[in-house]
Amino acid sequence: MTATSTARVDGRSGLQADKPGTASPVTFITGTTSGIGAALVAHYLERGHRVVGLARREAVVQHERYRHLQADVTDEVALRAAFAEVRRGYGRLDHLINNAGTASMNHAMLTTARSVERLLKVNVQGTFLAAREAAKVMQRQHFGRIVNFTTVAVPLALDGEAAYVASKAAVEGLTRVLAREFAPFGVTVNAVGPTPVKTALIAGVPDAAIAALVGRQAITRLGTMADVANVVDFFLSPESGFVTGQVLYLGGVS
């Protein structure tokens, strides 16, 4: 939780009101200071989107179309403030990419209650709060795309990741229910499940464990940022309005 329980706008790039006739979409991404989140920020800036990033740390991107909000996704008051800031600044929100998450790899007998609590708070509560607040903005325009993040560890039932898998399985269930609840507002909710991608999230995982996981995929290689962005692009597309409540795993995992 932030000290003031509010989202702090990066002082170097405050939000600005939308201008009449502006067509570029507004895309909100959580967990934007590293890994997949940072890559998605760059990807959508290149595509002309106006991107709002949210993370606990300060901005790592400087761009005229990027705005950074500093907050924890588990802080309900801060999340409300963040999306209220987007609504005031842009008057709309087209996309939410719920990328923020945390992982833990340990045998169930060695996993502490504190670790389980943190996984559930960040991965489930954070995803839920961001989706809920985004939908409040999106329903006003009767359009929106929400993409959550799960993992191939769920269908593979990876040993050593019981709490992490449980949290991401909850995200998948949440995705399906929110898809039904938000459908009347023209808002779709889907999830992407990446295979291991070279990020800090897997930096501490032994090479043998990664190799064993990749060996269970139909396509036996690590995923790339481009692989992930390709699926997110599909879910965000205006033409994907009839696609909701879906979970798409990469690498041929099912």
Protein backbone atom coordinates (compact mmCIF):
# COMPACT_ATOMS: atom_id res chain seq x y z
CA MET A 1 0.00 0.00 0.00
CA THR A 2 1.26 3.45 -0.79
CA ALA A 3 1.84 5.86 2.04
CA THR A 4 -1.11 8.05 1.07
CA SER A 5 -3.33 5.31 -0.41
CA THR A 6 -3.56 7.26 -3.65
CA ALA A 7 -2.01 6.81 -7.06
CA ARG A 8 0.85 9.23 -7.63
CA VAL A 9 1.16 10.68 -11.11
CA ASP A 10 4.75 10.94 -12.27
CA GLY A 11 5.52 14.64 -12.00
CA ARG A 12 7.32 14.72 -15.34
CA SER A 13 4.31 13.53 -17.31
CA GLY A 14 0.93 14.46 -15.82
CA LEU A 15 -2.29 13.46 -17.54
CA GLN A 16 -3.75 15.86 -20.07
CA ALA A 17 -7.35 16.20 -21.17
CA ASP A 18 -8.43 14.46 -24.34
CA LYS A 19 -8.67 16.65 -27.43
CA PRO A 20 -11.68 16.58 -29.76
CA GLY A 21 -11.16 14.22 -32.67
CA THR A 22 -8.34 12.27 -31.00
CA ALA A 23 -8.64 8.69 -32.24
CA SER A 24 -5.69 6.90 -30.67
CA PRO A 25 -6.82 4.37 -28.05
CA VAL A 26 -6.08 4.69 -24.35
CA THR A 27 -4.37 1.57 -22.99
CA PHE A 28 -3.80 0.99 -19.28
CA ILE A 29 -1.08 -1.53 -18.35
CA THR A 30 -0.16 -2.68 -14.85
CA GLY A 31 3.31 -3.78 -13.79
CA THR A 32 5.12 -1.60 -16.31
CA THR A 33 8.60 -1.13 -14.86
CA SER A 34 10.09 -4.44 -16.00
CA GLY A 35 9.62 -7.62 -18.02
CA ILE A 36 6.52 -8.18 -20.12
CA GLY A 37 4.83 -5.03 -18.82
CA ALA A 38 7.67 -2.77 -19.96
CA ALA A 39 7.77 -4.55 -23.33
CA LEU A 40 4.03 -4.05 -23.80
CA VAL A 41 4.37 -0.34 -23.04
CA ALA A 42 6.95 -0.01 -25.82
CA HIS A 43 4.83 -2.15 -28.16
CA TYR A 44 1.69 -0.06 -27.80
CA LEU A 45 3.52 3.26 -27.91
CA GLU A 46 4.94 2.13 -31.24
CA ARG A 47 1.37 1.43 -32.37
CA GLY A 48 0.30 4.96 -31.53
CA HIS A 49 -1.64 4.26 -28.34
CA ARG A 50 -1.79 6.64 -25.43
CA VAL A 51 -0.45 4.41 -22.66
CA VAL A 52 -0.98 4.72 -18.92
CA GLY A 53 1.30 2.55 -16.83
CA LEU A 54 0.94 1.63 -13.18
CA ALA A 55 3.61 0.15 -10.93
CA ARG A 56 5.01 0.48 -7.42
CA ARG A 57 8.26 1.92 -8.75
CA GLU A 58 8.92 5.13 -10.66
CA ALA A 59 8.63 5.33 -14.43
CA VAL A 60 11.32 3.78 -16.62
CA VAL A 61 9.79 5.15 -19.84
CA GLN A 62 9.79 8.75 -21.01
CA HIS A 63 7.43 9.45 -23.90
CA GLU A 64 4.92 12.16 -24.75
CA ARG A 65 2.15 9.56 -24.97
CA TYR A 66 3.11 7.70 -21.79
CA ARG A 67 1.78 8.58 -18.35
CA HIS A 68 2.97 6.79 -15.23
CA LEU A 69 0.97 6.22 -12.05
CA GLN A 70 2.84 4.95 -9.01
CA ALA A 71 0.71 2.65 -6.85
CA ASP A 72 0.32 -0.93 -5.65
CA VAL A 73 -2.34 -2.99 -7.44
CA THR A 74 -3.46 -4.44 -4.11
CA ASP A 75 -4.37 -0.97 -2.77
CA GLU A 76 -8.09 -0.46 -3.45
CA VAL A 77 -8.10 3.26 -2.70
CA ALA A 78 -5.07 3.83 -4.93
CA LEU A 79 -6.62 1.85 -7.80
CA ARG A 80 -9.81 3.87 -7.59
CA ALA A 81 -7.78 7.06 -7.70
CA ALA A 82 -5.73 5.82 -10.67
CA PHE A 83 -8.74 5.04 -12.86
CA ALA A 84 -10.50 8.22 -11.78
CA GLU A 85 -7.40 10.08 -12.96
CA VAL A 86 -7.60 8.33 -16.33
CA ARG A 87 -11.30 9.15 -16.68
CA ARG A 88 -10.69 12.82 -15.89
CA GLY A 89 -7.62 13.06 -18.10
CA TYR A 90 -8.79 11.21 -21.19
CA GLY A 91 -12.53 10.86 -20.82
CA ARG A 92 -12.31 7.20 -21.85
CA LEU A 93 -10.41 3.93 -21.45
CA ASP A 94 -10.21 1.40 -24.27
CA HIS A 95 -7.94 -1.32 -22.93
CA LEU A 96 -6.72 -2.76 -19.64
CA ILE A 97 -3.79 -5.19 -19.66
CA ASN A 98 -3.61 -6.79 -16.21
CA ASN A 99 0.06 -7.75 -16.34
CA ALA A 100 1.15 -7.08 -12.74
CA GLY A 101 1.88 -10.28 -10.87
CA THR A 102 4.26 -12.13 -8.63
CA ALA A 103 5.50 -15.72 -8.53
CA SER A 104 6.94 -18.14 -6.00
CA MET A 105 8.48 -21.56 -6.51
CA ASN A 106 8.63 -23.80 -3.48
CA HIS A 107 7.39 -27.16 -2.27
CA ALA A 108 3.98 -26.86 -0.60
CA MET A 109 5.42 -28.14 2.69
CA LEU A 110 7.92 -25.27 2.69
CA THR A 111 5.53 -22.52 1.56
CA THR A 112 4.61 -20.00 4.25
CA ALA A 113 1.20 -18.46 4.83
CA ARG A 114 2.74 -15.07 4.17
CA SER A 115 3.89 -16.20 0.72
CA VAL A 116 0.44 -17.55 -0.12
CA GLU A 117 -1.20 -14.33 1.05
CA ARG A 118 1.09 -12.19 -1.10
CA LEU A 119 0.47 -14.33 -4.19
CA LEU A 120 -3.30 -14.13 -3.76
CA LYS A 121 -3.27 -10.41 -3.04
CA VAL A 122 -1.19 -9.41 -6.04
CA ASN A 123 -2.35 -11.96 -8.61
CA VAL A 124 -6.03 -12.26 -7.70
CA GLN A 125 -7.01 -9.18 -5.73
CA GLY A 126 -4.91 -6.87 -7.89
CA THR A 127 -6.36 -8.31 -11.09
CA PHE A 128 -9.90 -8.05 -9.73
CA LEU A 129 -9.58 -4.46 -8.51
CA ALA A 130 -8.05 -3.21 -11.76
CA ALA A 131 -10.67 -4.99 -13.87
CA ARG A 132 -13.51 -3.67 -11.74
CA GLU A 133 -12.32 -0.07 -11.88
CA ALA A 134 -11.55 -0.27 -15.61
CA ALA A 135 -15.03 -1.63 -16.35
CA LYS A 136 -16.59 1.33 -14.55
CA VAL A 137 -14.92 3.65 -17.05
CA MET A 138 -15.48 1.40 -20.07
CA GLN A 139 -19.21 0.94 -19.53
CA ARG A 140 -19.77 4.66 -20.17
CA GLN A 141 -18.58 4.26 -23.77
CA HIS A 142 -20.03 0.74 -24.13
CA PHE A 143 -16.68 -0.61 -25.28
CA GLY A 144 -13.63 -2.07 -23.65
CA ARG A 145 -11.06 -4.84 -23.73
CA ILE A 146 -9.58 -6.43 -20.60
CA VAL A 147 -6.72 -8.92 -20.84
CA ASN A 148 -5.61 -10.79 -17.73
CA PHE A 149 -2.44 -12.85 -17.29
CA THR A 150 -2.32 -16.47 -16.25
CA THR A 151 0.38 -19.09 -16.94
CA VAL A 152 0.93 -22.50 -18.53
CA ALA A 153 1.82 -23.67 -15.03
CA VAL A 154 -1.94 -24.04 -14.44
CA PRO A 155 -2.76 -26.70 -17.06
CA LEU A 156 0.64 -28.35 -16.52
CA ALA A 157 0.00 -28.51 -12.74
CA LEU A 158 3.66 -27.80 -12.06
CA ASP A 159 4.96 -29.25 -8.82
CA GLY A 160 6.71 -26.74 -6.59
CA GLU A 161 4.25 -24.00 -7.58
CA ALA A 162 1.08 -24.93 -5.71
CA ALA A 163 0.27 -21.47 -4.35
CA TYR A 164 1.25 -19.69 -7.57
CA VAL A 165 -0.81 -22.09 -9.70
CA ALA A 166 -3.76 -21.68 -7.33
CA SER A 167 -3.60 -17.89 -7.67
CA LYS A 168 -3.47 -18.02 -11.47
CA ALA A 169 -6.25 -20.63 -11.62
CA ALA A 170 -8.31 -18.11 -9.65
CA VAL A 171 -7.48 -15.47 -12.27
CA GLU A 172 -8.83 -17.80 -14.96
CA GLY A 173 -12.07 -18.33 -13.05
CA LEU A 174 -12.32 -14.60 -12.48
CA THR A 175 -11.81 -14.00 -16.20
CA ARG A 176 -14.73 -16.25 -17.13
CA VAL A 177 -17.14 -14.73 -14.62
CA LEU A 178 -16.19 -11.13 -15.41
CA ALA A 179 -16.63 -11.88 -19.11
CA ARG A 180 -20.29 -12.67 -18.43
CA GLU A 181 -20.84 -9.79 -16.03
CA PHE A 182 -19.22 -7.18 -18.28
CA ALA A 183 -20.63 -8.40 -21.61
CA PRO A 184 -23.76 -6.19 -21.37
CA PHE A 185 -21.43 -3.17 -21.29
CA GLY A 186 -19.63 -4.14 -24.51
CA VAL A 187 -16.53 -5.11 -22.49
CA THR A 188 -14.67 -8.36 -23.23
CA VAL A 189 -12.46 -10.15 -20.71
CA ASN A 190 -9.88 -12.73 -21.78
CA ALA A 191 -6.63 -14.17 -20.48
CA VAL A 192 -3.27 -15.10 -21.97
CA GLY A 193 -1.06 -17.81 -20.47
CA PRO A 194 2.56 -17.37 -21.51
CA THR A 195 5.20 -20.06 -21.41
CA PRO A 196 8.44 -19.02 -19.65
CA VAL A 197 9.79 -15.78 -21.13
CA LYS A 198 13.25 -14.43 -20.32
CA THR A 199 12.36 -11.97 -17.56
CA ALA A 200 13.35 -11.38 -13.94
CA LEU A 201 10.37 -13.55 -12.93
CA ILE A 202 12.23 -16.72 -13.95
CA ALA A 203 15.78 -15.52 -13.30
CA GLY A 204 16.06 -17.55 -10.10
CA VAL A 205 14.55 -20.73 -11.51
CA PRO A 206 17.13 -23.50 -12.15
CA ASP A 207 17.88 -24.14 -15.82
CA ALA A 208 16.91 -27.80 -15.40
CA ALA A 209 13.46 -26.81 -14.18
CA ILE A 210 12.93 -24.46 -17.12
CA ALA A 211 14.13 -27.11 -19.57
CA ALA A 212 11.75 -29.66 -18.08
CA LEU A 213 8.84 -27.24 -18.39
CA VAL A 214 9.67 -26.30 -21.98
CA GLY A 215 9.96 -30.00 -22.81
CA ARG A 216 6.28 -30.45 -21.96
CA GLN A 217 5.22 -27.89 -24.56
CA ALA A 218 4.29 -28.81 -28.12
CA ILE A 219 6.70 -26.09 -29.30
CA THR A 220 9.80 -26.64 -27.20
CA ARG A 221 11.32 -23.21 -26.81
CA LEU A 222 11.06 -20.22 -24.51
CA GLY A 223 8.38 -17.69 -25.34
CA THR A 224 9.23 -14.19 -26.52
CA MET A 225 7.75 -10.77 -25.84
CA ALA A 226 6.50 -10.75 -29.43
CA ASP A 227 4.66 -14.04 -28.85
CA VAL A 228 2.81 -12.52 -25.90
CA ALA A 229 2.09 -9.21 -27.63
CA ASN A 230 0.62 -11.05 -30.61
CA VAL A 231 -2.06 -12.68 -28.44
CA VAL A 232 -2.78 -9.44 -26.56
CA ASP A 233 -3.15 -7.66 -29.92
CA PHE A 234 -5.77 -10.21 -30.94
CA PHE A 235 -7.78 -9.80 -27.74
CA LEU A 236 -7.61 -5.98 -27.94
CA SER A 237 -8.70 -5.83 -31.58
CA PRO A 238 -12.06 -4.13 -32.29
CA GLU A 239 -12.83 -7.18 -34.43
CA SER A 240 -12.57 -9.44 -31.35
CA GLY A 241 -15.82 -8.22 -29.85
CA PHE A 242 -17.32 -11.73 -30.04
CA VAL A 243 -14.36 -13.28 -28.19
CA THR A 244 -14.70 -13.24 -24.40
CA GLY A 245 -14.14 -15.50 -21.40
CA GLN A 246 -11.28 -17.27 -23.19
CA VAL A 247 -7.92 -18.44 -21.86
CA LEU A 248 -5.22 -18.86 -24.50
CA TYR A 249 -2.04 -20.72 -23.55
CA LEU A 250 1.10 -20.35 -25.63
CA GLY A 251 3.47 -23.06 -26.82
CA GLY A 252 0.82 -25.66 -27.59
CA VAL A 253 -0.05 -26.25 -23.93
CA SER A 254 -3.67 -27.15 -23.18
